Amino acid sequence: MLKPCMVLLALLLWPFAATAQESQTPPKAATPIPADAVHKANPVKPTPESIAQGKKYYGYDCAMCHGNNGDGKGDVAIDEKLKIGDFRDPATLKDKTDGELFYILKNGHDHMPAEPIRLKPDELWNLINYVRSLSNKKAQ
């Protein structure tokens, strides 16, 4: 009696195991950022108000991976053993334009999901202004 129950249980659980394996796909490969996106200028000036708004969005969506202070050591990054750059270090983003950052936020990058709908363009620019401000605080 025990053997037929075990076989039935295995048959019932098999689809779930197969689905779990399929869902563990590697991160998508980084696609080149289009030139027009690279050269896109940030239309939002990094005012204290803009940076404060960006900080709010950062706390909602970014801190879990990038860390509360931008150090790249958020809970998810630690749990998933992700290597994320330290935004407090000016070298981390020195070769990235605001346009590139905007494109990455809109379309995702590696393990980072895209943010195409929830935040409006000005909100994304505020977020970029905040992230840029993190390296300025270290220099002060």
N, C-alpha and C. Protein backbone atom coordinates (compact mmCIF):
# COMPACT_ATOMS: atom_id res chain seq x y z
N MET A 1 0.81 -1.19 0.00
CA MET A 1 0.00 0.00 0.00
C MET A 1 0.86 1.27 0.00
N LEU A 2 1.98 1.23 0.71
CA LEU A 2 2.85 2.40 0.80
C LEU A 2 3.50 2.73 -0.54
N LYS A 3 3.92 1.70 -1.28
CA LYS A 3 4.59 1.91 -2.56
C LYS A 3 3.69 2.61 -3.57
N PRO A 4 2.41 2.19 -3.76
CA PRO A 4 1.55 2.92 -4.70
C PRO A 4 1.32 4.37 -4.30
N CYS A 5 1.26 4.64 -3.00
CA CYS A 5 1.07 6.03 -2.54
C CYS A 5 2.29 6.87 -2.86
N MET A 6 3.48 6.29 -2.70
CA MET A 6 4.70 7.02 -2.99
C MET A 6 4.82 7.32 -4.49
N VAL A 7 4.44 6.36 -5.32
CA VAL A 7 4.48 6.55 -6.77
C VAL A 7 3.50 7.65 -7.16
N LEU A 8 2.31 7.62 -6.60
CA LEU A 8 1.30 8.64 -6.90
C LEU A 8 1.78 10.02 -6.46
N LEU A 9 2.36 10.09 -5.27
CA LEU A 9 2.88 11.35 -4.76
C LEU A 9 3.98 11.89 -5.68
N ALA A 10 4.88 11.02 -6.12
CA ALA A 10 5.96 11.44 -7.01
C ALA A 10 5.41 11.96 -8.33
N LEU A 11 4.41 11.29 -8.87
CA LEU A 11 3.80 11.74 -10.13
C LEU A 11 3.10 13.08 -9.96
N LEU A 12 2.50 13.31 -8.81
CA LEU A 12 1.81 14.58 -8.57
C LEU A 12 2.80 15.73 -8.39
N LEU A 13 3.94 15.47 -7.77
CA LEU A 13 4.91 16.52 -7.50
C LEU A 13 5.87 16.78 -8.66
N TRP A 14 5.99 15.87 -9.58
CA TRP A 14 6.94 16.02 -10.69
C TRP A 14 6.76 17.30 -11.48
N PRO A 15 5.53 17.70 -11.86
CA PRO A 15 5.40 18.95 -12.63
C PRO A 15 5.90 20.18 -11.88
N PHE A 16 5.74 20.18 -10.55
CA PHE A 16 6.20 21.32 -9.77
C PHE A 16 7.73 21.40 -9.76
N ALA A 17 8.38 20.28 -9.66
CA ALA A 17 9.85 20.24 -9.69
C ALA A 17 10.36 20.71 -11.05
N ALA A 18 9.72 20.28 -12.11
CA ALA A 18 10.14 20.68 -13.45
C ALA A 18 9.95 22.18 -13.64
N THR A 19 8.85 22.72 -13.15
CA THR A 19 8.58 24.15 -13.26
C THR A 19 9.60 24.95 -12.47
N ALA A 20 9.95 24.48 -11.28
CA ALA A 20 10.92 25.19 -10.44
C ALA A 20 12.27 25.27 -11.14
N GLN A 21 12.69 24.20 -11.81
CA GLN A 21 13.97 24.22 -12.52
C GLN A 21 13.93 25.20 -13.68
N GLU A 22 12.82 25.24 -14.40
CA GLU A 22 12.71 26.15 -15.54
C GLU A 22 12.74 27.60 -15.12
N SER A 23 12.20 27.91 -13.92
CA SER A 23 12.12 29.30 -13.49
C SER A 23 13.47 29.85 -13.05
N GLN A 24 14.48 29.01 -12.87
CA GLN A 24 15.79 29.46 -12.46
C GLN A 24 16.66 29.74 -13.67
N THR A 25 16.22 30.67 -14.50
CA THR A 25 16.97 31.01 -15.70
C THR A 25 18.06 32.01 -15.34
N PRO A 26 19.17 31.97 -16.04
CA PRO A 26 20.24 32.92 -15.77
C PRO A 26 19.80 34.33 -16.19
N PRO A 27 20.47 35.36 -15.68
CA PRO A 27 20.10 36.71 -16.06
C PRO A 27 20.30 36.92 -17.55
N LYS A 28 19.48 37.82 -18.10
CA LYS A 28 19.60 38.08 -19.53
C LYS A 28 20.92 38.78 -19.82
N ALA A 29 21.47 38.49 -20.95
CA ALA A 29 22.73 39.09 -21.35
C ALA A 29 22.52 40.58 -21.59
N ALA A 30 23.50 41.35 -21.20
CA ALA A 30 23.41 42.79 -21.40
C ALA A 30 23.46 43.11 -22.88
N THR A 31 22.48 43.84 -23.34
CA THR A 31 22.46 44.26 -24.73
C THR A 31 23.09 45.64 -24.82
N PRO A 32 23.72 45.94 -25.92
CA PRO A 32 24.33 47.26 -26.06
C PRO A 32 23.26 48.35 -25.94
N ILE A 33 23.64 49.42 -25.30
CA ILE A 33 22.72 50.55 -25.15
C ILE A 33 22.79 51.39 -26.42
N PRO A 34 21.65 51.68 -27.02
CA PRO A 34 21.65 52.47 -28.26
C PRO A 34 22.32 53.83 -28.07
N ALA A 35 22.99 54.30 -29.10
CA ALA A 35 23.73 55.57 -29.04
C ALA A 35 22.83 56.73 -28.66
N ASP A 36 21.60 56.76 -29.19
CA ASP A 36 20.72 57.88 -28.85
C ASP A 36 20.37 57.88 -27.36
N ALA A 37 20.30 56.70 -26.74
CA ALA A 37 20.04 56.62 -25.31
C ALA A 37 21.27 57.07 -24.51
N VAL A 38 22.46 56.69 -24.97
CA VAL A 38 23.69 57.07 -24.29
C VAL A 38 23.82 58.59 -24.23
N HIS A 39 23.45 59.26 -25.30
CA HIS A 39 23.62 60.71 -25.40
C HIS A 39 22.42 61.51 -24.91
N LYS A 40 21.41 60.82 -24.39
CA LYS A 40 20.22 61.51 -23.88
C LYS A 40 20.59 62.30 -22.63
N ALA A 41 20.23 63.57 -22.63
CA ALA A 41 20.56 64.44 -21.50
C ALA A 41 19.48 64.37 -20.43
N ASN A 42 19.90 64.52 -19.20
CA ASN A 42 18.97 64.55 -18.07
C ASN A 42 18.31 65.93 -18.05
N PRO A 43 17.00 65.99 -18.28
CA PRO A 43 16.32 67.28 -18.30
C PRO A 43 15.98 67.81 -16.90
N VAL A 44 16.22 67.03 -15.87
CA VAL A 44 15.87 67.42 -14.50
C VAL A 44 17.15 67.83 -13.76
N LYS A 45 17.19 69.06 -13.32
CA LYS A 45 18.35 69.56 -12.58
C LYS A 45 18.42 68.88 -11.21
N PRO A 46 19.63 68.60 -10.74
CA PRO A 46 19.78 67.93 -9.44
C PRO A 46 19.58 68.88 -8.25
N THR A 47 18.38 69.39 -8.13
CA THR A 47 18.04 70.29 -7.02
C THR A 47 17.82 69.46 -5.75
N PRO A 48 17.81 70.10 -4.60
CA PRO A 48 17.50 69.36 -3.37
C PRO A 48 16.15 68.64 -3.45
N GLU A 49 15.17 69.27 -4.11
CA GLU A 49 13.85 68.65 -4.24
C GLU A 49 13.90 67.40 -5.12
N SER A 50 14.63 67.49 -6.23
CA SER A 50 14.77 66.35 -7.13
C SER A 50 15.46 65.20 -6.42
N ILE A 51 16.53 65.51 -5.71
CA ILE A 51 17.29 64.47 -5.00
C ILE A 51 16.44 63.84 -3.90
N ALA A 52 15.64 64.65 -3.21
CA ALA A 52 14.75 64.10 -2.18
C ALA A 52 13.72 63.15 -2.78
N GLN A 53 13.16 63.53 -3.94
CA GLN A 53 12.21 62.64 -4.62
C GLN A 53 12.91 61.36 -5.06
N GLY A 54 14.11 61.48 -5.62
CA GLY A 54 14.86 60.30 -6.04
C GLY A 54 15.18 59.38 -4.88
N LYS A 55 15.48 59.96 -3.73
CA LYS A 55 15.77 59.16 -2.54
C LYS A 55 14.55 58.33 -2.14
N LYS A 56 13.38 58.93 -2.27
CA LYS A 56 12.14 58.22 -1.94
C LYS A 56 11.97 56.99 -2.84
N TYR A 57 12.14 57.17 -4.14
CA TYR A 57 12.00 56.05 -5.08
C TYR A 57 13.09 55.01 -4.85
N TYR A 58 14.30 55.48 -4.54
CA TYR A 58 15.41 54.58 -4.26
C TYR A 58 15.04 53.66 -3.09
N GLY A 59 14.47 54.24 -2.05
CA GLY A 59 14.08 53.46 -0.89
C GLY A 59 13.04 52.40 -1.20
N TYR A 60 12.14 52.71 -2.13
CA TYR A 60 11.09 51.75 -2.52
C TYR A 60 11.64 50.60 -3.35
N ASP A 61 12.47 50.91 -4.32
CA ASP A 61 12.83 49.93 -5.35
C ASP A 61 14.28 49.50 -5.41
N CYS A 62 15.19 50.29 -4.91
CA CYS A 62 16.61 50.04 -5.16
C CYS A 62 17.38 49.55 -3.94
N ALA A 63 17.01 50.05 -2.77
CA ALA A 63 17.79 49.78 -1.56
C ALA A 63 17.88 48.29 -1.24
N MET A 64 16.86 47.53 -1.59
CA MET A 64 16.89 46.10 -1.25
C MET A 64 18.08 45.39 -1.90
N CYS A 65 18.54 45.87 -3.02
CA CYS A 65 19.72 45.28 -3.67
C CYS A 65 20.95 46.17 -3.49
N HIS A 66 20.79 47.46 -3.74
CA HIS A 66 21.92 48.38 -3.76
C HIS A 66 22.31 48.91 -2.38
N GLY A 67 21.54 48.57 -1.36
CA GLY A 67 21.85 49.00 0.01
C GLY A 67 21.24 50.35 0.31
N ASN A 68 20.90 50.57 1.58
CA ASN A 68 20.27 51.83 1.98
C ASN A 68 21.12 53.04 1.68
N ASN A 69 22.43 52.87 1.73
CA ASN A 69 23.32 54.00 1.49
C ASN A 69 24.05 53.91 0.15
N GLY A 70 23.65 52.94 -0.70
CA GLY A 70 24.26 52.80 -2.03
C GLY A 70 25.52 51.97 -2.06
N ASP A 71 25.83 51.26 -0.97
CA ASP A 71 27.07 50.51 -0.90
C ASP A 71 27.05 49.18 -1.67
N GLY A 72 25.89 48.81 -2.25
CA GLY A 72 25.80 47.57 -3.02
C GLY A 72 25.60 46.35 -2.14
N LYS A 73 25.27 46.56 -0.88
CA LYS A 73 25.14 45.45 0.06
C LYS A 73 23.73 45.39 0.66
N GLY A 74 22.73 45.45 -0.21
CA GLY A 74 21.35 45.30 0.26
C GLY A 74 21.06 43.85 0.59
N ASP A 75 19.94 43.62 1.27
CA ASP A 75 19.58 42.27 1.70
C ASP A 75 19.51 41.28 0.54
N VAL A 76 18.89 41.69 -0.56
CA VAL A 76 18.77 40.78 -1.71
C VAL A 76 20.14 40.48 -2.31
N ALA A 77 20.97 41.50 -2.42
CA ALA A 77 22.32 41.29 -2.97
C ALA A 77 23.11 40.31 -2.11
N ILE A 78 22.98 40.43 -0.82
CA ILE A 78 23.69 39.52 0.08
C ILE A 78 23.13 38.11 -0.03
N ASP A 79 21.79 38.00 0.03
CA ASP A 79 21.16 36.68 -0.06
C ASP A 79 21.46 35.97 -1.37
N GLU A 80 21.45 36.72 -2.47
CA GLU A 80 21.67 36.14 -3.80
C GLU A 80 23.15 36.12 -4.21
N LYS A 81 24.01 36.62 -3.31
CA LYS A 81 25.46 36.68 -3.57
C LYS A 81 25.77 37.46 -4.86
N LEU A 82 25.09 38.61 -5.01
CA LEU A 82 25.30 39.46 -6.17
C LEU A 82 26.42 40.45 -5.88
N LYS A 83 27.23 40.71 -6.89
CA LYS A 83 28.28 41.72 -6.77
C LYS A 83 27.76 42.99 -7.43
N ILE A 84 27.48 43.96 -6.59
CA ILE A 84 26.90 45.22 -7.06
C ILE A 84 27.85 46.35 -6.68
N GLY A 85 28.05 47.27 -7.60
CA GLY A 85 28.95 48.38 -7.36
C GLY A 85 28.48 49.29 -6.24
N ASP A 86 29.43 50.01 -5.67
CA ASP A 86 29.19 50.95 -4.58
C ASP A 86 28.97 52.33 -5.19
N PHE A 87 27.74 52.83 -5.12
CA PHE A 87 27.42 54.14 -5.69
C PHE A 87 28.11 55.27 -4.93
N ARG A 88 28.60 55.01 -3.75
CA ARG A 88 29.31 56.05 -2.99
C ARG A 88 30.69 56.31 -3.58
N ASP A 89 31.19 55.36 -4.33
CA ASP A 89 32.51 55.48 -4.96
C ASP A 89 32.33 56.17 -6.32
N PRO A 90 32.91 57.36 -6.51
CA PRO A 90 32.73 58.08 -7.77
C PRO A 90 33.14 57.27 -9.00
N ALA A 91 34.05 56.33 -8.85
CA ALA A 91 34.51 55.52 -9.99
C ALA A 91 33.42 54.57 -10.50
N THR A 92 32.47 54.22 -9.66
CA THR A 92 31.44 53.25 -10.04
C THR A 92 30.63 53.71 -11.25
N LEU A 93 30.25 54.97 -11.29
CA LEU A 93 29.40 55.46 -12.37
C LEU A 93 30.10 56.49 -13.26
N LYS A 94 31.41 56.67 -13.08
CA LYS A 94 32.08 57.75 -13.83
C LYS A 94 32.02 57.54 -15.34
N ASP A 95 31.94 56.30 -15.80
CA ASP A 95 31.89 56.03 -17.24
C ASP A 95 30.47 55.86 -17.77
N LYS A 96 29.48 56.10 -16.94
CA LYS A 96 28.08 55.97 -17.34
C LYS A 96 27.46 57.37 -17.47
N THR A 97 26.79 57.59 -18.58
CA THR A 97 26.07 58.84 -18.74
C THR A 97 24.70 58.71 -18.06
N ASP A 98 24.07 59.84 -17.82
CA ASP A 98 22.71 59.80 -17.27
C ASP A 98 21.77 59.08 -18.24
N GLY A 99 22.01 59.27 -19.53
CA GLY A 99 21.19 58.58 -20.53
C GLY A 99 21.31 57.07 -20.43
N GLU A 100 22.54 56.58 -20.20
CA GLU A 100 22.73 55.14 -20.02
C GLU A 100 22.00 54.63 -18.79
N LEU A 101 22.10 55.38 -17.70
CA LEU A 101 21.41 54.98 -16.47
C LEU A 101 19.90 54.96 -16.68
N PHE A 102 19.39 55.95 -17.39
CA PHE A 102 17.95 56.01 -17.68
C PHE A 102 17.53 54.77 -18.49
N TYR A 103 18.32 54.44 -19.49
CA TYR A 103 18.03 53.26 -20.33
C TYR A 103 18.05 51.99 -19.48
N ILE A 104 19.04 51.85 -18.61
CA ILE A 104 19.14 50.67 -17.76
C ILE A 104 17.93 50.57 -16.84
N LEU A 105 17.52 51.69 -16.26
CA LEU A 105 16.35 51.68 -15.38
C LEU A 105 15.09 51.29 -16.14
N LYS A 106 14.94 51.80 -17.34
CA LYS A 106 13.73 51.51 -18.14
C LYS A 106 13.70 50.08 -18.65
N ASN A 107 14.87 49.51 -18.97
CA ASN A 107 14.92 48.22 -19.66
C ASN A 107 15.51 47.08 -18.84
N GLY A 108 16.05 47.38 -17.67
CA GLY A 108 16.66 46.35 -16.85
C GLY A 108 18.08 46.08 -17.28
N HIS A 109 18.80 45.34 -16.42
CA HIS A 109 20.21 45.03 -16.70
C HIS A 109 20.62 43.88 -15.80
N ASP A 110 21.16 42.83 -16.38
CA ASP A 110 21.56 41.65 -15.62
C ASP A 110 20.41 41.18 -14.72
N HIS A 111 20.63 41.16 -13.42
CA HIS A 111 19.59 40.71 -12.48
C HIS A 111 18.57 41.80 -12.18
N MET A 112 18.86 43.03 -12.55
CA MET A 112 17.96 44.13 -12.22
C MET A 112 16.76 44.16 -13.17
N PRO A 113 15.56 44.16 -12.59
CA PRO A 113 14.38 44.20 -13.45
C PRO A 113 14.17 45.59 -14.06
N ALA A 114 13.43 45.62 -15.13
CA ALA A 114 13.09 46.89 -15.79
C ALA A 114 12.05 47.64 -14.96
N GLU A 115 12.01 48.94 -15.13
CA GLU A 115 11.05 49.80 -14.43
C GLU A 115 10.31 50.63 -15.48
N PRO A 116 9.67 49.97 -16.46
CA PRO A 116 9.11 50.74 -17.58
C PRO A 116 7.78 51.44 -17.30
N ILE A 117 7.04 51.01 -16.31
CA ILE A 117 5.68 51.53 -16.17
C ILE A 117 5.48 52.33 -14.89
N ARG A 118 5.96 51.82 -13.78
CA ARG A 118 5.61 52.42 -12.49
C ARG A 118 6.11 53.85 -12.33
N LEU A 119 7.32 54.13 -12.76
CA LEU A 119 7.86 55.46 -12.60
C LEU A 119 7.81 56.23 -13.92
N LYS A 120 7.41 57.48 -13.81
CA LYS A 120 7.37 58.35 -14.98
C LYS A 120 8.80 58.81 -15.28
N PRO A 121 9.04 59.29 -16.50
CA PRO A 121 10.40 59.72 -16.85
C PRO A 121 11.02 60.70 -15.86
N ASP A 122 10.29 61.73 -15.43
CA ASP A 122 10.87 62.69 -14.49
C ASP A 122 11.24 62.03 -13.17
N GLU A 123 10.48 61.03 -12.77
CA GLU A 123 10.78 60.31 -11.54
C GLU A 123 12.07 59.49 -11.69
N LEU A 124 12.26 58.92 -12.86
CA LEU A 124 13.50 58.18 -13.12
C LEU A 124 14.70 59.13 -13.12
N TRP A 125 14.52 60.31 -13.71
CA TRP A 125 15.61 61.29 -13.71
C TRP A 125 15.93 61.73 -12.28
N ASN A 126 14.90 61.90 -11.44
CA ASN A 126 15.14 62.23 -10.03
C ASN A 126 15.94 61.12 -9.35
N LEU A 127 15.60 59.89 -9.66
CA LEU A 127 16.31 58.75 -9.10
C LEU A 127 17.79 58.78 -9.51
N ILE A 128 18.03 59.08 -10.76
CA ILE A 128 19.42 59.19 -11.25
C ILE A 128 20.15 60.32 -10.51
N ASN A 129 19.47 61.45 -10.32
CA ASN A 129 20.09 62.55 -9.58
C ASN A 129 20.44 62.12 -8.16
N TYR A 130 19.57 61.35 -7.52
CA TYR A 130 19.85 60.88 -6.17
C TYR A 130 21.05 59.94 -6.16
N VAL A 131 21.06 58.97 -7.07
CA VAL A 131 22.17 58.01 -7.11
C VAL A 131 23.49 58.74 -7.35
N ARG A 132 23.48 59.73 -8.23
CA ARG A 132 24.70 60.52 -8.46
C ARG A 132 25.12 61.27 -7.19
N SER A 133 24.14 61.71 -6.41
CA SER A 133 24.46 62.47 -5.20
C SER A 133 25.17 61.61 -4.14
N LEU A 134 25.00 60.30 -4.20
CA LEU A 134 25.63 59.44 -3.20
C LEU A 134 27.15 59.52 -3.23
N SER A 135 27.73 59.63 -4.41
CA SER A 135 29.20 59.73 -4.49
C SER A 135 29.65 61.14 -4.08
N ASN A 136 28.81 62.14 -4.26
CA ASN A 136 29.16 63.50 -3.84
C ASN A 136 29.23 63.60 -2.32
N LYS A 137 28.35 62.85 -1.64
CA LYS A 137 28.33 62.89 -0.17
C LYS A 137 29.63 62.34 0.39
N LYS A 138 30.20 61.32 -0.26
CA LYS A 138 31.43 60.71 0.22
C LYS A 138 32.60 61.71 0.08
N ALA A 139 32.56 62.50 -0.98
CA ALA A 139 33.64 63.46 -1.22
C ALA A 139 33.59 64.64 -0.25
N GLN A 140 32.42 64.91 0.31
CA GLN A 140 32.25 66.08 1.20
C GLN A 140 32.82 65.85 2.57
